[in-house]
Structure formats: C-alpha cells, structure tokens
PDB file of N, CA and C in Angstrom:
ATOM      1  N   MET A   1      51.394  85.019 -30.764  1.00  0.00           N
ATOM      2  CA  MET A   1      52.129  83.593 -31.329  1.00  0.00           C
ATOM      3  C   MET A   1      53.248  83.704 -32.168  1.00  0.00           C
ATOM      4  N   ALA A   2      53.439  84.378 -32.294  1.00  0.00           N
ATOM      5  CA  ALA A   2      53.969  85.036 -33.864  1.00  0.00           C
ATOM      6  C   ALA A   2      55.523  84.029 -33.449  1.00  0.00           C
ATOM      7  N   GLY A   3      55.973  83.514 -34.084  1.00  0.00           N
ATOM      8  CA  GLY A   3      57.039  82.331 -34.248  1.00  0.00           C
ATOM      9  C   GLY A   3      56.529  81.794 -33.625  1.00  0.00           C
ATOM     10  N   TYR A   4      55.507  80.865 -33.795  1.00  0.00           N
ATOM     11  CA  TYR A   4      55.385  79.801 -33.797  1.00  0.00           C
ATOM     12  C   TYR A   4      54.424  79.042 -34.721  1.00  0.00           C
ATOM     13  N   SER A   5      55.248  77.928 -35.637  1.00  0.00           N
ATOM     14  CA  SER A   5      55.055  77.257 -37.048  1.00  0.00           C
ATOM     15  C   SER A   5      54.258  76.671 -36.853  1.00  0.00           C
ATOM     16  N   CYS A   6      53.388  75.236 -36.015  1.00  0.00           N
ATOM     17  CA  CYS A   6      52.742  74.756 -35.471  1.00  0.00           C
ATOM     18  C   CYS A   6      51.089  74.526 -35.977  1.00  0.00           C
ATOM     19  N   GLU A   7      50.713  76.112 -36.176  1.00  0.00           N
ATOM     20  CA  GLU A   7      49.583  76.171 -36.434  1.00  0.00           C
ATOM     21  C   GLU A   7      49.340  76.022 -38.450  1.00  0.00           C
ATOM     22  N   ASN A   8      50.781  76.082 -38.461  1.00  0.00           N
ATOM     23  CA  ASN A   8      50.681  75.931 -40.236  1.00  0.00           C
ATOM     24  C   ASN A   8      51.956  74.410 -41.143  1.00  0.00           C
ATOM     25  N   CYS A   9      52.292  73.451 -39.844  1.00  0.00           N
ATOM     26  CA  CYS A   9      53.251  72.607 -40.195  1.00  0.00           C
ATOM     27  C   CYS A   9      52.004  71.639 -40.850  1.00  0.00           C
ATOM     28  N   ALA A  10      53.420  71.497 -41.697  1.00  0.00           N
ATOM     29  CA  ALA A  10      52.870  70.073 -42.204  1.00  0.00           C
ATOM     30  C   ALA A  10      52.560  68.717 -42.254  1.00  0.00           C
ATOM     31  N   LEU A  11      53.000  68.318 -40.771  1.00  0.00           N
ATOM     32  CA  LEU A  11      53.048  67.512 -40.002  1.00  0.00           C
ATOM     33  C   LEU A  11      51.547  67.619 -39.813  1.00  0.00           C
ATOM     34  N   ARG A  12      51.201  68.605 -38.644  1.00  0.00           N
ATOM     35  CA  ARG A  12      49.873  68.343 -37.869  1.00  0.00           C
ATOM     36  C   ARG A  12      48.466  68.743 -39.633  1.00  0.00           C
ATOM     37  N   ALA A  13      48.811  69.260 -40.485  1.00  0.00           N
ATOM     38  CA  ALA A  13      48.043  68.989 -41.784  1.00  0.00           C
ATOM     39  C   ALA A  13      48.749  67.526 -42.002  1.00  0.00           C
ATOM     40  N   LYS A  14      48.955  66.745 -42.093  1.00  0.00           N
ATOM     41  CA  LYS A  14      48.666  65.152 -41.900  1.00  0.00           C
ATOM     42  C   LYS A  14      47.779  64.303 -41.716  1.00  0.00           C
ATOM     43  N   TYR A  15      47.525  64.727 -39.739  1.00  0.00           N
ATOM     44  CA  TYR A  15      46.943  64.328 -38.961  1.00  0.00           C
ATOM     45  C   TYR A  15      46.142  64.476 -38.864  1.00  0.00           C
ATOM     46  N   ASP A  16      45.485  66.300 -39.451  1.00  0.00           N
ATOM     47  CA  ASP A  16      44.025  65.665 -39.626  1.00  0.00           C
ATOM     48  C   ASP A  16      43.097  65.198 -41.169  1.00  0.00           C
ATOM     49  N   LYS A  17      44.423  65.658 -41.090  1.00  0.00           N
ATOM     50  CA  LYS A  17      43.650  64.943 -43.219  1.00  0.00           C
ATOM     51  C   LYS A  17      43.358  63.499 -42.764  1.00  0.00           C
ATOM     52  N   ASN A  18      44.917  62.407 -42.456  1.00  0.00           N
ATOM     53  CA  ASN A  18      44.482  61.258 -41.634  1.00  0.00           C
ATOM     54  C   ASN A  18      45.507  61.299 -40.931  1.00  0.00           C
ATOM     55  N   PRO A  19      45.109  60.776 -39.971  1.00  0.00           N
ATOM     56  CA  PRO A  19      44.959  60.229 -38.318  1.00  0.00           C
ATOM     57  C   PRO A  19      45.961  59.328 -37.775  1.00  0.00           C
ATOM     58  N   ARG A  20      45.909  58.579 -39.260  1.00  0.00           N
ATOM     59  CA  ARG A  20      46.039  56.703 -38.907  1.00  0.00           C
ATOM     60  C   ARG A  20      47.554  56.806 -39.882  1.00  0.00           C
ATOM     61  N   SER A  21      47.421  58.294 -40.659  1.00  0.00           N
ATOM     62  CA  SER A  21      48.785  57.708 -40.857  1.00  0.00           C
ATOM     63  C   SER A  21      50.126  57.653 -41.342  1.00  0.00           C
ATOM     64  N   LEU A  22      50.838  57.411 -41.357  1.00  0.00           N
ATOM     65  CA  LEU A  22      52.222  57.578 -40.110  1.00  0.00           C
ATOM     66  C   LEU A  22      52.310  58.508 -39.890  1.00  0.00           C
ATOM     67  N   LEU A  23      52.728  59.090 -40.956  1.00  0.00           N
ATOM     68  CA  LEU A  23      52.119  60.689 -40.453  1.00  0.00           C
ATOM     69  C   LEU A  23      52.196  61.161 -39.655  1.00  0.00           C
ATOM     70  N   GLY A  24      50.872  61.053 -39.361  1.00  0.00           N
ATOM     71  CA  GLY A  24      50.375  61.691 -39.469  1.00  0.00           C
ATOM     72  C   GLY A  24      50.238  61.071 -37.341  1.00  0.00           C
ATOM     73  N   ARG A  25      50.505  59.321 -37.538  1.00  0.00           N
ATOM     74  CA  ARG A  25      50.949  59.637 -36.213  1.00  0.00           C
ATOM     75  C   ARG A  25      52.109  59.790 -35.539  1.00  0.00           C
ATOM     76  N   ILE A  26      53.094  60.786 -36.095  1.00  0.00           N
ATOM     77  CA  ILE A  26      54.553  60.830 -35.704  1.00  0.00           C
ATOM     78  C   ILE A  26      54.381  61.921 -35.066  1.00  0.00           C
ATOM     79  N   TRP A  27      53.554  63.163 -36.180  1.00  0.00           N
ATOM     80  CA  TRP A  27      52.858  64.005 -35.496  1.00  0.00           C
ATOM     81  C   TRP A  27      52.304  63.800 -34.386  1.00  0.00           C
ATOM     82  N   ARG A  28      51.081  63.122 -33.494  1.00  0.00           N
ATOM     83  CA  ARG A  28      50.958  63.374 -32.762  1.00  0.00           C
ATOM     84  C   ARG A  28      51.844  63.077 -31.128  1.00  0.00           C
ATOM     85  N   TRP A  29      51.960  62.257 -31.796  1.00  0.00           N
ATOM     86  CA  TRP A  29      53.874  61.142 -31.328  1.00  0.00           C
ATOM     87  C   TRP A  29      54.225  61.980 -30.368  1.00  0.00           C
ATOM     88  N   HIS A  30      54.714  63.272 -31.548  1.00  0.00           N
ATOM     89  CA  HIS A  30      55.584  64.556 -31.401  1.00  0.00           C
ATOM     90  C   HIS A  30      54.754  65.443 -30.694  1.00  0.00           C
ATOM     91  N   ALA A  31      53.867  65.882 -31.233  1.00  0.00           N
ATOM     92  CA  ALA A  31      52.339  66.259 -30.143  1.00  0.00           C
ATOM     93  C   ALA A  31      52.599  66.599 -28.707  1.00  0.00           C
ATOM     94  N   GLY A  32      52.934  65.011 -27.720  1.00  0.00           N
ATOM     95  CA  GLY A  32      52.952  64.327 -27.128  1.00  0.00           C
ATOM     96  C   GLY A  32      53.719  65.413 -25.353  1.00  0.00           C
ATOM     97  N   TRP A  33      55.545  65.680 -26.783  1.00  0.00           N
ATOM     98  CA  TRP A  33      56.454  65.725 -25.231  1.00  0.00           C
ATOM     99  C   TRP A  33      56.848  66.895 -26.667  1.00  0.00           C
ATOM    100  N   CYS A  34      56.340  68.020 -27.148  1.00  0.00           N
ATOM    101  CA  CYS A  34      56.982  69.132 -27.925  1.00  0.00           C
ATOM    102  C   CYS A  34      56.855  70.122 -27.549  1.00  0.00           C
ATOM    103  N   PRO A  35      58.170  70.409 -26.737  1.00  0.00           N
ATOM    104  CA  PRO A  35      57.978  72.346 -26.273  1.00  0.00           C
ATOM    105  C   PRO A  35      57.411  73.523 -26.538  1.00  0.00           C
ATOM    106  N   GLY A  36      57.730  73.172 -27.910  1.00  0.00           N
ATOM    107  CA  GLY A  36      57.155  74.758 -28.723  1.00  0.00           C
ATOM    108  C   GLY A  36      55.736  74.452 -29.502  1.00  0.00           C
ATOM    109  N   TRP A  37      54.990  73.034 -29.182  1.00  0.00           N
ATOM    110  CA  TRP A  37      54.303  73.198 -29.282  1.00  0.00           C
ATOM    111  C   TRP A  37      52.204  73.154 -28.046  1.00  0.00           C
ATOM    112  N   LYS A  38      53.745  73.313 -27.156  1.00  0.00           N
ATOM    113  CA  LYS A  38      52.818  73.235 -25.026  1.00  0.00           C
ATOM    114  C   LYS A  38      52.990  74.532 -25.658  1.00  0.00           C
ATOM    115  N   ARG A  39      54.431  74.794 -25.844  1.00  0.00           N
ATOM    116  CA  ARG A  39      54.106  77.132 -25.626  1.00  0.00           C
ATOM    117  C   ARG A  39      53.043  77.490 -26.737  1.00  0.00           C
ATOM    118  N   TYR A  40      52.887  76.753 -27.789  1.00  0.00           N
ATOM    119  CA  TYR A  40      51.823  77.737 -29.360  1.00  0.00           C
ATOM    120  C   TYR A  40      50.109  77.010 -28.423  1.00  0.00           C
ATOM    121  N   ILE A  41      50.069  76.057 -27.862  1.00  0.00           N
ATOM    122  CA  ILE A  41      48.810  75.923 -26.722  1.00  0.00           C
ATOM    123  C   ILE A  41      48.448  77.043 -26.161  1.00  0.00           C
ATOM    124  N   THR A  42      49.137  77.041 -25.051  1.00  0.00           N
ATOM    125  CA  THR A  42      49.222  78.247 -24.096  1.00  0.00           C
ATOM    126  C   THR A  42      49.671  79.132 -24.809  1.00  0.00           C
ATOM    127  N   SER A  43      49.507  79.773 -25.212  1.00  0.00           N
ATOM    128  CA  SER A  43      49.415  80.888 -25.803  1.00  0.00           C
ATOM    129  C   SER A  43      47.777  81.401 -27.092  1.00  0.00           C
ATOM    130  N   LEU A  44      48.056  80.210 -26.567  1.00  0.00           N
ATOM    131  CA  LEU A  44      45.738  81.213 -27.109  1.00  0.00           C
ATOM    132  C   LEU A  44      45.232  80.508 -26.086  1.00  0.00           C
ATOM    133  N   PRO A  45      43.827  81.918 -26.315  1.00  0.00           N
ATOM    134  CA  PRO A  45      43.071  82.320 -25.912  1.00  0.00           C
ATOM    135  C   PRO A  45      42.377  80.258 -25.111  1.00  0.00           C
ATOM    136  N   GLU A  46      41.753  80.381 -24.100  1.00  0.00           N
ATOM    137  CA  GLU A  46      40.998  79.375 -23.570  1.00  0.00           C
ATOM    138  C   GLU A  46      40.145  78.947 -24.108  1.00  0.00           C
ATOM    139  N   ASP A  47      39.333  79.278 -25.741  1.00  0.00           N
ATOM    140  CA  ASP A  47      38.569  78.979 -25.990  1.00  0.00           C
ATOM    141  C   ASP A  47      38.755  77.944 -26.773  1.00  0.00           C
ATOM    142  N   GLU A  48      39.972  78.555 -28.217  1.00  0.00           N
ATOM    143  CA  GLU A  48      40.482  77.707 -28.742  1.00  0.00           C
ATOM    144  C   GLU A  48      41.263  76.674 -28.741  1.00  0.00           C
ATOM    145  N   ARG A  49      42.182  76.699 -27.107  1.00  0.00           N
ATOM    146  CA  ARG A  49      42.659  75.750 -26.551  1.00  0.00           C
ATOM    147  C   ARG A  49      42.064  74.342 -26.512  1.00  0.00           C
ATOM    148  N   ILE A  50      41.251  75.193 -25.261  1.00  0.00           N
ATOM    149  CA  ILE A  50      39.934  73.814 -25.446  1.00  0.00           C
ATOM    150  C   ILE A  50      39.277  72.674 -26.535  1.00  0.00           C
ATOM    151  N   ALA A  51      39.102  73.953 -27.253  1.00  0.00           N
ATOM    152  CA  ALA A  51      38.429  73.016 -29.266  1.00  0.00           C
ATOM    153  C   ALA A  51      40.099  72.100 -29.407  1.00  0.00           C
ATOM    154  N   LEU A  52      41.529  72.910 -29.305  1.00  0.00           N
ATOM    155  CA  LEU A  52      42.612  72.359 -29.217  1.00  0.00           C
ATOM    156  C   LEU A  52      42.241  70.442 -29.044  1.00  0.00           C
ATOM    157  N   ALA A  53      42.373  71.140 -28.065  1.00  0.00           N
ATOM    158  CA  ALA A  53      42.454  70.239 -26.410  1.00  0.00           C
ATOM    159  C   ALA A  53      41.599  69.422 -27.555  1.00  0.00           C
ATOM    160  N   GLU A  54      40.334  69.123 -26.830  1.00  0.00           N
ATOM    161  CA  GLU A  54      39.098  68.033 -27.328  1.00  0.00           C
ATOM    162  C   GLU A  54      38.988  67.051 -28.920  1.00  0.00           C
ATOM    163  N   ARG A  55      40.020  68.632 -30.233  1.00  0.00           N
ATOM    164  CA  ARG A  55      39.961  67.761 -31.660  1.00  0.00           C
ATOM    165  C   ARG A  55      41.389  67.074 -31.105  1.00  0.00           C
ATOM    166  N   TYR A  56      42.205  67.106 -30.253  1.00  0.00           N
ATOM    167  CA  TYR A  56      43.641  66.536 -30.470  1.00  0.00           C
ATOM    168  C   TYR A  56      43.598  65.311 -29.039  1.00  0.00           C
ATOM    169  N   ASP A  57      42.621  65.224 -28.912  1.00  0.00           N
ATOM    170  CA  ASP A  57      43.067  64.308 -27.637  1.00  0.00           C
ATOM    171  C   ASP A  57      43.801  64.073 -26.159  1.00  0.00           C
ATOM    172  N   LEU A  58      44.165  66.130 -26.046  1.00  0.00           N
ATOM    173  CA  LEU A  58      44.702  66.082 -25.167  1.00  0.00           C
ATOM    174  C   LEU A  58      44.821  66.629 -24.210  1.00  0.00           C
ATOM    175  N   LYS A  59      45.807  66.434 -23.188  1.00  0.00           N
ATOM    176  CA  LYS A  59      45.327  66.226 -21.639  1.00  0.00           C
ATOM    177  C   LYS A  59      45.029  67.309 -21.087  1.00  0.00           C
ATOM    178  N   LYS A  60      45.219  69.025 -21.974  1.00  0.00           N
ATOM    179  CA  LYS A  60      45.309  69.628 -21.649  1.00  0.00           C
ATOM    180  C   LYS A  60      43.706  70.433 -21.535  1.00  0.00           C
TER     181      LYS A  60
END
C-alpha cells in the first residue's frame, strides 16, 4: 500500500464528511474511473476491500 495517497485524500475526506457536497461528488465521480484508486482498493485485504465497496457503493 505504500505510495498510495488515497487513504489520506482530502477530497475523500470531504466525501466522508458530506457526500452531497460539490467536492464530495467530484471525488465519487473521480473514484469511479481513477486507476490509482483501483490499484489502491485492489491492494487492500479482502475484508477491507469489501467494507470500502459497501461504504462507497462500488461494484467491486
């Protein structure tokens, strides 16, 4: 997981605080196609990946 800043992303924090905010919605849109986010989420253990997928309503 070294090298991924997705865990500490400021836009992700905005989404966590208020998903309906403009920056939160931009992050959610961005996470849908971002190759860095996809590498980050696939590098996580299975249980964490499932928890994130449920939290952010992702397909994986």
